[in-house]
Amino acid sequence: MMFKSFRSNVFETLAVIGSLLIGVASYAADSTVTNLPAASTLDGTELLLGVQSGASKKITGNQVKTLIGTTVTTSCGITGGTISPGQTGTIKGAPSARAVNTTSDTVLAADCGAFITYTNASATAITLPQATGSFTAGFFTTIINEGAGVVTITPTTSTIDGQASLTLAQYSGVDIFSDGTNYFTMRGRATTASVVDFQIFTSGATWTPPAGNFAEVYIYGCGGGGQGGGGAAL
C-alpha cells in the first residue's frame, strides 16, 4: 500500500510539472507574435482561429466583415454614396434642390429630403403621390412658391392636413411629412400677403376659407340712427 501511494504521488507530481511546462511553452509562443512579418493588405481570405458552439473553427476575414455589417446605404435626405465593408467614404446630410418653372409637376420619390422651388407666374398644379410605397412614413419634402402664381398641392387618394389639397401664395413654403396613410405639414407664411378670396356679407352667412390660406375676418356693427360702429379683426 505504501508503494502504490508513493507511485501515485510521483505520477501526480509529474502531471503538474508537465502542465506547467505546457503553459510556459504556450506563453513563449504567443510572445513571439510581434516578431512575425507584417501581413499585406487584407483581402478577406485570411484564416482566423475561433470557437463556435464549443468547438474550434476556422474563420475567414470575409466572414468577419459580414458579421460586422458596416455597410451604410444612403437614403432620404442623405447623399454621398454607399460605404461598403472595408471601405471608406463620406456621408453628407445636405438636402438636394429641384427648381421647377412649369405650371404642372409631380413630386418624385427622389424629392425625399429635398427642396422643390416653383417660380412660374401662372397658377401651378402639383400632384403628390399617395402616401404609400416610396412615399410612406419617413418621406418628407419642402415645397416653396417663389412665383407670382398660386401653387396648389393635391395628393392622390391621401389627404394633406385633412384636406383634399393645399395652396401656397407667393413666398410661402411648406414642409410635408408622410405618416404612411396621409400627409401633414409645417407651414411658413408668406412675407408679402396676397388676397386669394374676399367676401362681404350684409347678413348671416357661412364662408369657408380656401385650404392652405390664412383668413382675417372683420365685423362691423351699426349703432342707432345709422351711425357706424367700430370694426374688429378676428
C-alpha atoms as a PDB file:
ATOM      1  CA  MET A   1       0.000   0.000   0.000  1.00  0.00           C
ATOM      2  CA  MET A   2       2.854   2.329   0.784  1.00  0.00           C
ATOM      3  CA  PHE A   3       4.481   1.643  -2.630  1.00  0.00           C
ATOM      4  CA  LYS A   4       1.249   2.300  -4.533  1.00  0.00           C
ATOM      5  CA  SER A   5       0.690   5.522  -2.684  1.00  0.00           C
ATOM      6  CA  PHE A   6       4.246   6.672  -3.447  1.00  0.00           C
ATOM      7  CA  ARG A   7       3.865   5.802  -7.143  1.00  0.00           C
ATOM      8  CA  SER A   8       0.589   7.666  -7.323  1.00  0.00           C
ATOM      9  CA  ASN A   9       2.205  10.735  -5.816  1.00  0.00           C
ATOM     10  CA  VAL A  10       5.019  10.585  -8.340  1.00  0.00           C
ATOM     11  CA  PHE A  11       2.625  10.485 -11.270  1.00  0.00           C
ATOM     12  CA  GLU A  12       0.621  13.374  -9.875  1.00  0.00           C
ATOM     13  CA  THR A  13       3.783  15.418  -9.433  1.00  0.00           C
ATOM     14  CA  LEU A  14       4.913  14.686 -12.987  1.00  0.00           C
ATOM     15  CA  ALA A  15       1.478  15.661 -14.296  1.00  0.00           C
ATOM     16  CA  VAL A  16       1.656  19.035 -12.529  1.00  0.00           C
ATOM     17  CA  ILE A  17       5.188  19.673 -13.848  1.00  0.00           C
ATOM     18  CA  GLY A  18       4.041  18.759 -17.362  1.00  0.00           C
ATOM     19  CA  SER A  19       1.116  21.161 -17.268  1.00  0.00           C
ATOM     20  CA  LEU A  20       3.408  23.936 -16.095  1.00  0.00           C
ATOM     21  CA  LEU A  21       5.827  23.243 -18.909  1.00  0.00           C
ATOM     22  CA  ILE A  22       2.987  23.299 -21.473  1.00  0.00           C
ATOM     23  CA  GLY A  23       1.783  26.594 -20.061  1.00  0.00           C
ATOM     24  CA  VAL A  24       5.255  28.105 -20.303  1.00  0.00           C
ATOM     25  CA  ALA A  25       5.649  26.864 -23.870  1.00  0.00           C
ATOM     26  CA  SER A  26       2.304  28.373 -24.898  1.00  0.00           C
ATOM     27  CA  TYR A  27       3.171  31.716 -23.368  1.00  0.00           C
ATOM     28  CA  ALA A  28       6.532  31.680 -25.130  1.00  0.00           C
ATOM     29  CA  ALA A  29       4.861  31.007 -28.479  1.00  0.00           C
ATOM     30  CA  ASP A  30       2.344  33.829 -28.017  1.00  0.00           C
ATOM     31  CA  SER A  31       5.070  36.279 -27.090  1.00  0.00           C
ATOM     32  CA  THR A  32       6.707  35.829 -30.496  1.00  0.00           C
ATOM     33  CA  VAL A  33       3.736  37.248 -32.461  1.00  0.00           C
ATOM     34  CA  THR A  34       5.247  40.714 -32.533  1.00  0.00           C
ATOM     35  CA  ASN A  35       8.324  39.249 -34.243  1.00  0.00           C
ATOM     36  CA  LEU A  36       6.329  37.805 -37.151  1.00  0.00           C
ATOM     37  CA  PRO A  37       6.438  39.583 -40.549  1.00  0.00           C
ATOM     38  CA  ALA A  38       3.620  42.103 -41.114  1.00  0.00           C
ATOM     39  CA  ALA A  39       0.670  40.968 -43.222  1.00  0.00           C
ATOM     40  CA  SER A  40      -0.006  42.543 -46.612  1.00  0.00           C
ATOM     41  CA  THR A  41      -3.345  44.258 -47.411  1.00  0.00           C
ATOM     42  CA  LEU A  42      -6.181  42.099 -46.117  1.00  0.00           C
ATOM     43  CA  ASP A  43      -8.386  40.607 -48.838  1.00  0.00           C
ATOM     44  CA  GLY A  44     -10.844  38.541 -46.817  1.00  0.00           C
ATOM     45  CA  THR A  45      -9.139  35.191 -47.424  1.00  0.00           C
ATOM     46  CA  GLU A  46      -7.254  35.258 -44.116  1.00  0.00           C
ATOM     47  CA  LEU A  47      -7.911  32.414 -41.676  1.00  0.00           C
ATOM     48  CA  LEU A  48      -8.507  33.080 -38.001  1.00  0.00           C
ATOM     49  CA  LEU A  49      -8.932  30.657 -35.121  1.00  0.00           C
ATOM     50  CA  GLY A  50     -12.230  30.860 -33.288  1.00  0.00           C
ATOM     51  CA  VAL A  51     -14.618  28.849 -31.145  1.00  0.00           C
ATOM     52  CA  GLN A  52     -18.199  28.200 -32.236  1.00  0.00           C
ATOM     53  CA  SER A  53     -20.645  26.139 -30.148  1.00  0.00           C
ATOM     54  CA  GLY A  54     -17.755  24.938 -28.005  1.00  0.00           C
ATOM     55  CA  ALA A  55     -15.708  23.631 -30.935  1.00  0.00           C
ATOM     56  CA  SER A  56     -12.611  25.119 -32.586  1.00  0.00           C
ATOM     57  CA  LYS A  57     -13.395  26.579 -36.032  1.00  0.00           C
ATOM     58  CA  LYS A  58     -11.506  28.394 -38.767  1.00  0.00           C
ATOM     59  CA  ILE A  59     -12.937  31.792 -39.672  1.00  0.00           C
ATOM     60  CA  THR A  60     -12.242  33.782 -42.827  1.00  0.00           C
ATOM     61  CA  GLY A  61     -11.776  37.521 -42.976  1.00  0.00           C
ATOM     62  CA  ASN A  62     -14.846  37.809 -45.226  1.00  0.00           C
ATOM     63  CA  GLN A  63     -16.986  36.152 -42.584  1.00  0.00           C
ATOM     64  CA  VAL A  64     -15.811  38.680 -40.012  1.00  0.00           C
ATOM     65  CA  LYS A  65     -16.620  41.601 -42.328  1.00  0.00           C
ATOM     66  CA  THR A  66     -20.117  40.231 -42.962  1.00  0.00           C
ATOM     67  CA  LEU A  67     -20.715  39.832 -39.238  1.00  0.00           C
ATOM     68  CA  ILE A  68     -19.635  43.394 -38.532  1.00  0.00           C
ATOM     69  CA  GLY A  69     -22.202  44.708 -41.019  1.00  0.00           C
ATOM     70  CA  THR A  70     -20.567  48.063 -41.772  1.00  0.00           C
ATOM     71  CA  THR A  71     -22.469  48.715 -44.988  1.00  0.00           C
ATOM     72  CA  VAL A  72     -24.165  52.140 -44.912  1.00  0.00           C
ATOM     73  CA  THR A  73     -26.693  52.847 -47.645  1.00  0.00           C
ATOM     74  CA  THR A  74     -27.779  56.389 -48.456  1.00  0.00           C
ATOM     75  CA  SER A  75     -31.445  57.261 -48.024  1.00  0.00           C
ATOM     76  CA  CYS A  76     -33.900  60.162 -47.812  1.00  0.00           C
ATOM     77  CA  GLY A  77     -32.028  63.427 -47.354  1.00  0.00           C
ATOM     78  CA  ILE A  78     -28.626  61.706 -47.219  1.00  0.00           C
ATOM     79  CA  THR A  79     -26.141  61.891 -50.094  1.00  0.00           C
ATOM     80  CA  GLY A  80     -22.590  60.721 -50.667  1.00  0.00           C
ATOM     81  CA  GLY A  81     -22.892  57.116 -51.841  1.00  0.00           C
ATOM     82  CA  THR A  82     -22.677  53.713 -50.211  1.00  0.00           C
ATOM     83  CA  ILE A  83     -19.854  52.754 -47.847  1.00  0.00           C
ATOM     84  CA  SER A  84     -19.138  49.034 -48.194  1.00  0.00           C
ATOM     85  CA  PRO A  85     -17.390  46.879 -45.560  1.00  0.00           C
ATOM     86  CA  GLY A  86     -13.674  47.519 -45.512  1.00  0.00           C
ATOM     87  CA  GLN A  87     -14.019  50.752 -47.488  1.00  0.00           C
ATOM     88  CA  THR A  88     -14.083  54.448 -46.569  1.00  0.00           C
ATOM     89  CA  GLY A  89     -16.249  57.285 -47.807  1.00  0.00           C
ATOM     90  CA  THR A  90     -18.291  60.329 -46.853  1.00  0.00           C
ATOM     91  CA  ILE A  91     -21.940  60.553 -45.856  1.00  0.00           C
ATOM     92  CA  LYS A  92     -23.493  64.023 -46.009  1.00  0.00           C
ATOM     93  CA  GLY A  93     -26.801  65.253 -44.642  1.00  0.00           C
ATOM     94  CA  ALA A  94     -27.088  68.106 -47.134  1.00  0.00           C
ATOM     95  CA  PRO A  95     -30.523  68.234 -48.859  1.00  0.00           C
ATOM     96  CA  SER A  96     -30.724  68.446 -52.635  1.00  0.00           C
ATOM     97  CA  ALA A  97     -32.798  71.013 -54.549  1.00  0.00           C
ATOM     98  CA  ARG A  98     -35.032  70.896 -57.633  1.00  0.00           C
ATOM     99  CA  ALA A  99     -36.236  74.037 -59.412  1.00  0.00           C
ATOM    100  CA  VAL A 100     -39.461  73.935 -61.444  1.00  0.00           C
ATOM    101  CA  ASN A 101     -40.795  76.651 -63.756  1.00  0.00           C
ATOM    102  CA  THR A 102     -43.678  74.764 -65.370  1.00  0.00           C
ATOM    103  CA  THR A 103     -47.376  75.019 -64.487  1.00  0.00           C
ATOM    104  CA  SER A 104     -47.655  71.356 -63.513  1.00  0.00           C
ATOM    105  CA  ASP A 105     -45.410  68.924 -61.675  1.00  0.00           C
ATOM    106  CA  THR A 106     -45.402  65.632 -59.776  1.00  0.00           C
ATOM    107  CA  VAL A 107     -43.432  65.142 -56.593  1.00  0.00           C
ATOM    108  CA  LEU A 108     -40.865  62.357 -57.061  1.00  0.00           C
ATOM    109  CA  ALA A 109     -39.574  59.700 -54.681  1.00  0.00           C
ATOM    110  CA  ALA A 110     -36.148  61.277 -55.222  1.00  0.00           C
ATOM    111  CA  ASP A 111     -37.525  64.521 -53.746  1.00  0.00           C
ATOM    112  CA  CYS A 112     -37.476  62.980 -50.283  1.00  0.00           C
ATOM    113  CA  GLY A 113     -35.461  65.293 -48.055  1.00  0.00           C
ATOM    114  CA  ALA A 114     -35.154  67.844 -50.879  1.00  0.00           C
ATOM    115  CA  PHE A 115     -36.280  71.413 -51.520  1.00  0.00           C
ATOM    116  CA  ILE A 116     -38.579  71.991 -54.515  1.00  0.00           C
ATOM    117  CA  THR A 117     -38.995  75.593 -55.679  1.00  0.00           C
ATOM    118  CA  TYR A 118     -41.693  76.810 -58.085  1.00  0.00           C
ATOM    119  CA  THR A 119     -41.206  80.078 -59.943  1.00  0.00           C
ATOM    120  CA  ASN A 120     -43.939  80.297 -62.580  1.00  0.00           C
ATOM    121  CA  ALA A 121     -46.017  83.477 -62.796  1.00  0.00           C
ATOM    122  CA  SER A 122     -49.139  81.435 -63.557  1.00  0.00           C
ATOM    123  CA  ALA A 123     -51.051  79.033 -61.319  1.00  0.00           C
ATOM    124  CA  THR A 124     -49.166  75.763 -60.795  1.00  0.00           C
ATOM    125  CA  ALA A 125     -50.723  72.356 -60.083  1.00  0.00           C
ATOM    126  CA  ILE A 126     -48.614  69.839 -58.143  1.00  0.00           C
ATOM    127  CA  THR A 127     -49.531  66.168 -57.792  1.00  0.00           C
ATOM    128  CA  LEU A 128     -48.377  64.482 -54.604  1.00  0.00           C
ATOM    129  CA  PRO A 129     -48.486  60.652 -54.949  1.00  0.00           C
ATOM    130  CA  GLN A 130     -50.383  58.581 -52.389  1.00  0.00           C
ATOM    131  CA  ALA A 131     -48.605  58.280 -49.030  1.00  0.00           C
ATOM    132  CA  THR A 132     -47.580  54.644 -49.554  1.00  0.00           C
ATOM    133  CA  GLY A 133     -44.667  52.794 -51.171  1.00  0.00           C
ATOM    134  CA  SER A 134     -41.818  55.231 -51.771  1.00  0.00           C
ATOM    135  CA  PHE A 135     -43.911  57.928 -50.084  1.00  0.00           C
ATOM    136  CA  THR A 136     -44.717  56.012 -46.898  1.00  0.00           C
ATOM    137  CA  ALA A 137     -43.841  57.065 -43.345  1.00  0.00           C
ATOM    138  CA  GLY A 138     -40.404  58.669 -43.328  1.00  0.00           C
ATOM    139  CA  PHE A 139     -40.913  60.552 -46.588  1.00  0.00           C
ATOM    140  CA  PHE A 140     -40.620  64.324 -46.248  1.00  0.00           C
ATOM    141  CA  THR A 141     -40.019  67.210 -48.601  1.00  0.00           C
ATOM    142  CA  THR A 142     -40.146  71.015 -48.666  1.00  0.00           C
ATOM    143  CA  ILE A 143     -42.086  72.988 -51.283  1.00  0.00           C
ATOM    144  CA  ILE A 144     -41.551  76.721 -51.762  1.00  0.00           C
ATOM    145  CA  ASN A 145     -43.527  79.008 -54.053  1.00  0.00           C
ATOM    146  CA  GLU A 146     -41.344  81.835 -55.364  1.00  0.00           C
ATOM    147  CA  GLY A 147     -43.546  82.612 -58.361  1.00  0.00           C
ATOM    148  CA  ALA A 148     -46.492  85.011 -58.638  1.00  0.00           C
ATOM    149  CA  GLY A 149     -48.914  82.189 -59.453  1.00  0.00           C
ATOM    150  CA  VAL A 150     -50.684  80.276 -56.699  1.00  0.00           C
ATOM    151  CA  VAL A 151     -49.320  76.750 -56.195  1.00  0.00           C
ATOM    152  CA  THR A 152     -51.888  74.029 -55.487  1.00  0.00           C
ATOM    153  CA  ILE A 153     -50.673  70.734 -53.992  1.00  0.00           C
ATOM    154  CA  THR A 154     -53.098  67.830 -54.433  1.00  0.00           C
ATOM    155  CA  PRO A 155     -52.342  64.354 -53.038  1.00  0.00           C
ATOM    156  CA  THR A 156     -53.524  61.261 -54.892  1.00  0.00           C
ATOM    157  CA  THR A 157     -56.066  59.457 -52.650  1.00  0.00           C
ATOM    158  CA  SER A 158     -54.365  60.669 -49.449  1.00  0.00           C
ATOM    159  CA  THR A 159     -55.215  63.935 -47.718  1.00  0.00           C
ATOM    160  CA  ILE A 160     -52.948  66.784 -46.662  1.00  0.00           C
ATOM    161  CA  ASP A 161     -53.719  68.217 -43.228  1.00  0.00           C
ATOM    162  CA  GLY A 162     -57.096  66.523 -43.559  1.00  0.00           C
ATOM    163  CA  GLN A 163     -57.905  68.402 -46.782  1.00  0.00           C
ATOM    164  CA  ALA A 164     -58.022  67.341 -50.413  1.00  0.00           C
ATOM    165  CA  SER A 165     -55.454  69.993 -51.382  1.00  0.00           C
ATOM    166  CA  LEU A 166     -53.297  72.829 -50.130  1.00  0.00           C
ATOM    167  CA  THR A 167     -52.464  76.164 -51.788  1.00  0.00           C
ATOM    168  CA  LEU A 168     -49.388  78.337 -51.414  1.00  0.00           C
ATOM    169  CA  ALA A 169     -49.258  82.047 -52.196  1.00  0.00           C
ATOM    170  CA  GLN A 170     -46.052  83.645 -53.438  1.00  0.00           C
ATOM    171  CA  TYR A 171     -43.126  83.415 -50.980  1.00  0.00           C
ATOM    172  CA  SER A 172     -44.900  80.742 -48.927  1.00  0.00           C
ATOM    173  CA  GLY A 173     -43.312  77.413 -48.092  1.00  0.00           C
ATOM    174  CA  VAL A 174     -44.376  74.156 -46.516  1.00  0.00           C
ATOM    175  CA  ASP A 175     -42.666  71.082 -45.047  1.00  0.00           C
ATOM    176  CA  ILE A 176     -44.655  67.965 -45.961  1.00  0.00           C
ATOM    177  CA  PHE A 177     -44.447  64.723 -43.956  1.00  0.00           C
ATOM    178  CA  SER A 178     -45.991  61.318 -44.648  1.00  0.00           C
ATOM    179  CA  ASP A 179     -47.339  59.016 -41.942  1.00  0.00           C
ATOM    180  CA  GLY A 180     -47.841  56.144 -44.381  1.00  0.00           C
ATOM    181  CA  THR A 181     -51.525  56.993 -44.971  1.00  0.00           C
ATOM    182  CA  ASN A 182     -51.828  60.772 -45.287  1.00  0.00           C
ATOM    183  CA  TYR A 183     -49.683  63.910 -45.302  1.00  0.00           C
ATOM    184  CA  PHE A 184     -49.195  66.561 -42.655  1.00  0.00           C
ATOM    185  CA  THR A 185     -47.400  69.887 -42.880  1.00  0.00           C
ATOM    186  CA  MET A 186     -45.446  72.578 -41.105  1.00  0.00           C
ATOM    187  CA  ARG A 187     -46.162  75.832 -42.874  1.00  0.00           C
ATOM    188  CA  GLY A 188     -44.327  79.090 -43.405  1.00  0.00           C
ATOM    189  CA  ARG A 189     -46.402  82.207 -44.017  1.00  0.00           C
ATOM    190  CA  ALA A 190     -45.649  84.488 -46.947  1.00  0.00           C
ATOM    191  CA  THR A 191     -43.694  87.633 -46.130  1.00  0.00           C
ATOM    192  CA  THR A 192     -45.965  89.526 -48.519  1.00  0.00           C
ATOM    193  CA  ALA A 193     -49.661  88.785 -48.084  1.00  0.00           C
ATOM    194  CA  SER A 194     -51.772  88.177 -51.171  1.00  0.00           C
ATOM    195  CA  VAL A 195     -55.562  88.150 -51.327  1.00  0.00           C
ATOM    196  CA  VAL A 196     -56.879  84.807 -52.573  1.00  0.00           C
ATOM    197  CA  ASP A 197     -60.564  85.411 -51.780  1.00  0.00           C
ATOM    198  CA  PHE A 198     -62.590  88.339 -50.491  1.00  0.00           C
ATOM    199  CA  GLN A 199     -66.166  88.175 -49.186  1.00  0.00           C
ATOM    200  CA  ILE A 200     -68.599  90.799 -47.902  1.00  0.00           C
ATOM    201  CA  PHE A 201     -71.738  89.766 -46.029  1.00  0.00           C
ATOM    202  CA  THR A 202     -74.593  92.108 -45.087  1.00  0.00           C
ATOM    203  CA  SER A 203     -76.478  89.362 -43.266  1.00  0.00           C
ATOM    204  CA  GLY A 204     -75.809  85.987 -41.706  1.00  0.00           C
ATOM    205  CA  ALA A 205     -73.861  83.611 -43.947  1.00  0.00           C
ATOM    206  CA  THR A 206     -71.229  80.874 -43.948  1.00  0.00           C
ATOM    207  CA  TRP A 207     -67.835  81.188 -45.632  1.00  0.00           C
ATOM    208  CA  THR A 208     -65.089  78.547 -45.806  1.00  0.00           C
ATOM    209  CA  PRO A 209     -61.562  79.899 -46.465  1.00  0.00           C
ATOM    210  CA  PRO A 210     -59.625  78.196 -49.310  1.00  0.00           C
ATOM    211  CA  ALA A 211     -57.494  75.330 -47.992  1.00  0.00           C
ATOM    212  CA  GLY A 212     -53.968  76.275 -47.019  1.00  0.00           C
ATOM    213  CA  ASN A 213     -54.673  80.006 -46.519  1.00  0.00           C
ATOM    214  CA  PHE A 214     -54.957  82.327 -43.551  1.00  0.00           C
ATOM    215  CA  ALA A 215     -58.147  84.325 -43.030  1.00  0.00           C
ATOM    216  CA  GLU A 216     -58.720  87.702 -41.437  1.00  0.00           C
ATOM    217  CA  VAL A 217     -62.339  88.472 -40.557  1.00  0.00           C
ATOM    218  CA  TYR A 218     -63.633  91.959 -39.735  1.00  0.00           C
ATOM    219  CA  ILE A 219     -67.060  92.513 -38.158  1.00  0.00           C
ATOM    220  CA  TYR A 220     -68.662  95.957 -38.337  1.00  0.00           C
ATOM    221  CA  GLY A 221     -71.861  96.885 -36.480  1.00  0.00           C
ATOM    222  CA  CYS A 222     -74.134  99.890 -36.939  1.00  0.00           C
ATOM    223  CA  GLY A 223     -75.370 101.920 -33.982  1.00  0.00           C
ATOM    224  CA  GLY A 224     -78.714 103.716 -33.614  1.00  0.00           C
ATOM    225  CA  GLY A 225     -79.531 106.459 -36.116  1.00  0.00           C
ATOM    226  CA  GLY A 226     -77.297 104.852 -38.766  1.00  0.00           C
ATOM    227  CA  GLN A 227     -74.030 105.703 -37.036  1.00  0.00           C
ATOM    228  CA  GLY A 228     -71.224 103.303 -37.965  1.00  0.00           C
ATOM    229  CA  GLY A 229     -69.829 101.011 -35.308  1.00  0.00           C
ATOM    230  CA  GLY A 230     -66.201 100.082 -34.805  1.00  0.00           C
ATOM    231  CA  GLY A 231     -64.528  97.199 -36.654  1.00  0.00           C
ATOM    232  CA  ALA A 232     -62.778  94.262 -35.063  1.00  0.00           C
ATOM    233  CA  ALA A 233     -60.425  91.726 -36.662  1.00  0.00           C
ATOM    234  CA  LEU A 234     -60.792  88.096 -35.629  1.00  0.00           C
END
